[in-house]
Protein backbone atom coordinates (compact mmCIF):
# COMPACT_ATOMS: atom_id res chain seq x y z
CA MET A 1 38.31 153.86 185.67
CA SER A 2 35.07 153.83 183.80
CA ARG A 3 33.63 150.78 182.12
CA ASP A 4 34.10 152.25 178.66
CA HIS A 5 37.73 153.00 179.32
CA ARG A 6 38.45 149.44 180.52
CA ALA A 7 36.74 147.99 177.44
CA LYS A 8 38.87 150.21 175.23
CA ASP A 9 42.06 149.02 176.96
CA ARG A 10 41.13 145.36 176.51
CA SER A 11 40.40 145.96 172.84
CA GLU A 12 43.77 147.64 172.33
CA ARG A 13 45.66 144.85 174.14
CA LYS A 14 43.80 142.24 172.12
CA HIS A 15 44.65 144.00 168.91
CA THR A 16 48.26 144.28 170.02
CA ARG A 17 48.47 140.55 170.73
CA LYS A 18 46.89 139.51 167.45
CA SER A 19 48.87 141.75 165.15
CA PRO A 20 52.32 140.05 165.58
CA SER A 21 50.65 136.65 165.28
CA ARG A 22 49.10 137.53 161.96
CA LYS A 23 52.41 138.89 160.70
CA SER A 24 54.23 135.72 161.80
CA SER A 25 51.63 133.50 160.12
CA ARG A 26 51.94 135.48 156.91
CA ARG A 27 55.74 135.14 156.98
CA ASP A 28 55.46 131.39 157.56
CA ASN A 29 53.11 131.00 154.62
CA GLU A 30 55.39 133.02 152.35
CA SER A 31 58.43 131.03 153.49
CA SER A 32 56.59 127.75 152.96
CA SER A 33 55.53 128.88 149.49
CA ARG A 34 59.12 129.84 148.60
CA HIS A 35 60.57 126.52 149.77
CA LYS A 36 57.81 124.35 148.34
CA SER A 37 59.41 121.79 146.01
CA LYS A 38 57.81 120.54 142.81
CA LEU A 39 57.22 116.79 142.79
CA PRO A 40 57.10 114.67 139.61
CA LYS A 41 53.81 114.60 137.73
CA GLY A 42 52.45 117.36 139.96
CA ALA A 43 52.19 115.01 142.95
CA LYS A 44 51.24 116.50 146.32
CA LYS A 45 53.05 116.15 149.60
CA ILE A 46 51.72 113.52 151.96
CA THR A 47 51.33 112.98 155.70
CA GLU A 48 50.52 110.05 157.94
CA GLU A 49 46.87 110.56 157.02
CA ASP A 50 47.69 109.23 153.52
CA TYR A 51 48.81 105.86 154.89
CA PHE A 52 45.82 103.92 153.60
CA LEU A 53 45.58 105.95 150.38
CA LEU A 54 49.15 105.04 149.40
CA GLN A 55 49.12 101.52 150.81
CA LYS A 56 50.10 99.92 147.47
CA GLU A 57 53.04 102.27 146.91
CA PHE A 58 54.19 101.82 150.50
CA ARG A 59 54.08 98.00 150.21
CA VAL A 60 56.23 98.01 147.05
CA TRP A 61 58.72 100.47 148.54
CA LEU A 62 58.95 98.45 151.76
CA ALA A 63 59.61 95.20 149.88
CA GLN A 64 62.21 96.72 147.55
CA THR A 65 64.17 98.78 150.08
CA LYS A 66 63.69 96.94 153.38
CA ASN A 67 62.85 93.44 152.18
CA LYS A 68 59.93 93.61 154.58
CA TYR A 69 56.16 93.23 154.26
CA VAL A 70 53.37 95.14 155.95
CA ASP A 71 51.66 91.93 157.05
CA ASP A 72 54.75 91.01 159.09
CA LEU A 73 54.83 94.34 160.95
CA SER A 74 52.72 95.74 163.71
CA THR A 75 50.53 98.75 163.03
CA ASP A 76 52.85 101.07 164.94
CA GLU A 77 55.94 99.79 163.12
CA ALA A 78 54.27 100.20 159.74
CA MET A 79 53.05 103.71 160.58
CA ASP A 80 56.49 104.74 161.82
CA LEU A 81 58.17 103.52 158.62
CA PHE A 82 55.52 105.23 156.51
CA THR A 83 55.79 108.57 158.32
CA ASP A 84 59.50 108.73 159.13
CA GLU A 85 60.94 107.33 155.89
CA PHE A 86 58.46 106.80 153.08
CA ALA A 87 56.55 110.09 153.47
CA ARG A 88 59.75 112.06 154.06
CA LYS A 89 61.40 110.72 150.89
CA TRP A 90 58.15 111.19 148.97
CA ASN A 91 57.93 114.85 149.95
CA ARG A 92 61.59 115.42 148.98
CA GLY A 93 61.12 113.79 145.59
CA LYS A 94 63.70 111.11 146.41
CA LEU A 95 61.61 108.13 145.35
CA SER A 96 61.61 106.51 141.93
CA LYS A 97 59.42 108.22 139.34
CA MET A 98 57.14 105.22 139.12
CA PHE A 99 55.82 105.95 142.64
CA TYR A 100 54.63 109.39 141.51
CA GLU A 101 53.52 108.43 137.99
CA GLY A 102 51.81 105.17 138.90
CA LEU A 103 53.22 101.72 139.61
CA PRO A 104 53.38 99.29 136.68
CA ASP A 105 51.23 96.19 137.10
CA ALA A 106 54.29 93.96 136.65
CA VAL A 107 55.99 95.52 139.69
CA VAL A 108 52.91 95.05 141.85
CA GLU A 109 52.48 91.42 140.76
CA GLN A 110 56.16 90.68 141.39
CA THR A 111 55.85 92.04 144.92
CA LYS A 112 52.82 89.83 145.55
CA ARG A 113 54.60 86.70 144.24
CA THR A 114 57.66 87.42 146.33
CA ARG A 115 55.48 87.88 149.40
CA HIS A 116 53.73 84.57 148.70
CA GLN A 117 57.03 82.73 148.28
CA TRP A 118 58.44 84.30 151.42
CA GLY A 119 55.38 83.27 153.42
CA PHE A 120 55.60 79.72 152.07
CA VAL A 121 59.24 79.38 153.07
CA ALA A 122 58.63 80.93 156.47
CA LYS A 123 56.17 78.14 157.30
CA LEU A 124 58.67 75.37 156.51
CA GLY A 125 60.69 73.58 159.12
CA GLU A 126 64.48 73.53 159.26
CA LYS A 127 64.69 70.20 157.41
CA GLU A 128 62.37 71.35 154.62
CA LYS A 129 64.29 74.62 154.29
CA PHE A 130 67.58 72.69 153.97
CA GLU A 131 66.14 70.37 151.31
CA LEU A 132 64.70 73.33 149.42
CA ALA A 133 68.04 75.15 149.50
CA THR A 134 69.87 72.01 148.30
CA ALA A 135 67.44 71.54 145.43
CA LYS A 136 67.77 75.19 144.49
CA ASP A 137 71.57 74.91 144.43
CA SER A 138 71.36 71.82 142.20
CA VAL A 139 69.04 73.60 139.80
CA ASP A 140 71.31 76.64 139.72
CA VAL A 141 74.38 74.50 138.98
CA ALA A 142 72.58 72.61 136.20
CA THR A 143 71.27 75.85 134.72
CA LYS A 144 74.71 77.47 134.74
CA LYS A 145 76.28 74.38 133.15
CA LYS A 146 73.64 74.32 130.42
CA ASN A 147 74.09 78.02 129.77
CA LEU A 148 77.85 77.52 129.57
CA LEU A 149 77.52 74.68 127.06
CA THR A 150 75.01 76.64 125.03
CA SER A 151 77.33 79.60 125.06
CA ASP A 152 80.23 77.42 123.83
CA ASP A 153 78.08 76.04 121.01
CA LYS A 154 77.09 79.52 119.99
CA VAL A 155 80.73 80.54 119.95
CA LYS A 156 81.90 77.47 118.00
CA GLY A 157 79.13 77.70 115.44
CA PRO A 158 79.77 81.24 114.27
CA LYS A 159 83.54 80.71 114.44
CA LYS A 160 83.36 77.65 112.19
CA GLU A 161 81.08 79.49 109.84
CA ASP A 162 83.44 82.46 109.85
CA ASP A 163 86.38 80.17 109.02
CA THR A 164 84.49 78.68 106.08
CA ASN A 165 83.49 82.08 104.80
CA TRP A 166 87.05 83.32 105.20
CA THR A 167 88.36 80.36 103.15
CA LYS A 168 85.84 81.06 100.40
CA ARG A 169 86.69 84.73 100.36
CA ARG A 170 90.40 83.92 100.27
CA PHE A 171 89.98 81.50 97.34
CA LYS A 172 87.91 84.05 95.44
CA GLU A 173 90.50 86.75 96.09
CA ASP A 174 93.28 84.46 94.81
CA GLU A 175 91.26 83.64 91.69
CA ASP A 176 90.61 87.32 91.12
CA ASP A 177 94.33 88.04 91.52
CA ARG A 178 95.22 85.37 88.96
CA GLU A 179 92.66 86.68 86.51
CA GLU A 180 93.93 90.20 87.01
CA HIS A 181 97.50 88.99 86.42
CA ARG A 182 96.47 87.31 83.15
CA LYS A 183 94.74 90.46 81.99
CA ARG A 184 97.80 92.56 82.79
CA GLN A 185 100.08 90.17 80.88
CA LYS A 186 97.77 90.19 77.87
CA LEU A 187 97.63 93.97 77.93
CA GLU A 188 101.43 94.22 78.21
CA ARG A 189 101.93 91.90 75.22
CA LYS A 190 99.47 93.96 73.20
CA ARG A 191 101.30 97.14 74.08
CA GLU A 192 104.64 95.55 73.15
CA ARG A 193 103.28 94.56 69.73
CA GLU A 194 101.90 98.02 69.16
CA TYR A 195 105.20 99.57 70.21
CA ARG A 196 107.16 97.23 67.94
CA ASP A 197 104.87 98.02 65.00
CA VAL A 198 105.30 101.74 65.61
CA VAL A 199 109.08 101.41 65.77
CA MET A 200 109.23 99.29 62.63
CA ASP A 201 106.93 101.71 60.85
CA GLU A 202 109.26 104.55 61.79
CA LEU A 203 112.36 102.66 60.68
CA ALA A 204 110.83 101.16 57.52
CA PRO A 205 107.47 102.77 56.65
CA LYS A 206 105.02 100.53 54.85
CA ALA A 207 104.51 101.21 51.18
CA THR A 208 101.18 102.60 49.98
CA GLY A 209 99.39 102.73 46.65
CA ARG A 210 101.45 101.57 43.69
CA GLU A 211 104.47 100.82 45.86
CA ALA A 212 102.38 98.45 47.95
CA GLN A 213 101.24 96.58 44.85
CA ILE A 214 104.81 96.27 43.60
CA ASP A 215 105.92 94.93 47.01
CA LYS A 216 103.12 92.39 46.88
CA ARG A 217 104.26 91.17 43.48
CA HIS A 218 107.85 90.93 44.69
CA GLN A 219 106.76 88.90 47.70
CA LEU A 220 104.76 86.55 45.46
CA ALA A 221 107.71 86.15 43.08
CA ASP A 222 110.00 85.43 46.00
CA LYS A 223 107.65 82.69 47.17
CA LEU A 224 107.41 81.13 43.68
CA HIS A 225 111.10 81.26 42.84
CA GLY A 226 112.49 80.97 46.31
CA ALA A 227 112.98 77.23 46.16
CA ALA A 228 114.81 77.36 42.81
CA ARG A 229 117.03 80.19 44.02
CA ASP A 230 117.83 78.30 47.17
CA ARG A 231 118.88 75.29 45.16
CA GLU A 232 121.05 77.44 42.92
CA GLU A 233 122.72 79.10 45.89
CA ALA A 234 123.25 75.73 47.53
CA ARG A 235 125.09 74.47 44.52
CA ASP A 236 127.39 77.45 44.92
CA GLY A 237 128.03 77.41 41.12
CA LEU A 238 130.11 74.23 41.19
CA ASP A 239 128.32 71.54 39.16
CA LEU A 240 130.63 68.73 38.05
CA SER A 241 129.77 66.48 35.13
CA ASP A 242 129.64 62.73 35.29
CA ASP A 243 132.66 62.44 32.92
CA PHE A 244 134.79 64.42 35.32
CA LEU A 245 133.66 62.40 38.26
CA MET A 246 134.34 59.14 36.38
CA GLY A 247 137.80 60.34 35.19
CA GLY A 248 136.89 61.04 31.55
CA ARG A 249 138.63 63.33 29.11
CA GLY A 250 138.46 67.13 29.29
CA GLY A 251 138.14 67.05 32.99
CA ASP A 252 140.50 69.98 33.68
CA GLU A 253 138.69 72.40 31.36
CA ASP A 254 135.38 71.40 32.79
CA LEU A 255 136.63 72.01 36.32
CA LYS A 256 137.91 75.45 35.43
CA ARG A 257 134.62 76.36 33.75
CA ARG A 258 132.61 75.21 36.74
CA MET A 259 134.79 77.16 39.17
CA ALA A 260 134.39 80.30 37.06
CA GLN A 261 130.60 79.85 37.21
CA ARG A 262 130.80 79.47 40.97
CA ASP A 263 132.70 82.73 41.33
CA VAL A 264 130.13 84.51 39.19
CA ALA A 265 127.31 83.12 41.35
CA ARG A 266 129.05 84.27 44.53
CA ARG A 267 129.55 87.79 43.20
CA ARG A 268 125.90 87.96 42.09
CA LYS A 269 124.77 86.85 45.54
CA GLN A 270 126.93 89.46 47.25
CA GLU A 271 125.61 92.18 44.94
CA GLU A 272 122.01 91.23 45.73
CA GLN A 273 122.71 91.38 49.45
CA GLN A 274 124.33 94.80 49.11
CA GLU A 275 121.33 96.06 47.11
CA LYS A 276 118.94 94.88 49.85
CA LEU A 277 120.98 96.65 52.54
CA ALA A 278 121.09 99.81 50.47
CA GLY A 279 117.29 99.69 50.04
CA LEU A 280 116.75 99.35 53.80
CA LYS A 281 119.03 102.33 54.47
CA VAL A 282 117.10 104.46 51.99
CA ARG A 283 113.77 103.62 53.70
CA CYS A 284 115.14 104.46 57.14
């Protein structure tokens, strides 16, 4: 086989080997592009190479989820946790949004304080730890008791105030009810008077014009002569003289005359009463 022919065969075999590889690489890239997930705030996926770049985020996550601190771990342990758990959850978008958007300063400071307190306690002996725990329990009990008393005071204060306000409202409502009752009674009496006046006006209409003036004069005359008429009616027409009472002469004739006068007075009184009744009937 000539040299040119062998070179051509090698070129064809090389091309044959590379072609499937390029197709496979293209399929992998397309598949990776299709399955690429969008992270919050446009964050990018990370690898173990981002360990130092995301050291702050990793420290906070480690303290919150594992209650551990990077300073207490070996380099291999820290790298394993970063790669196997933190980076994996980061790339899946499973972490809290604050890790992608930027950690608040308060969260970072709290993690530092907790780490400092943990380191301080870790250096204590068993006796110091026991005394610290006892003191903490005492403080917790005192704090809870104070909060309970404060809570009771807050409950009693508003309740007492509510009771006072309720009493005031109740008194005002009672006073309003009494005032409303008085107004209703006054209105009812007024309506009764108006109704009575209407009824009386229908039964005996009031006189107008000349008739009203005549009625006025009659009323005035009745007032002026009422007393004299009453005395006359009281006597009933039987006025006896002193001679008759003392047994003087002519007593029988005087008695007869007086009795006749009494009968006349009675008849006159009856006639006047009948005239009044007849006048009322005519008006009705």
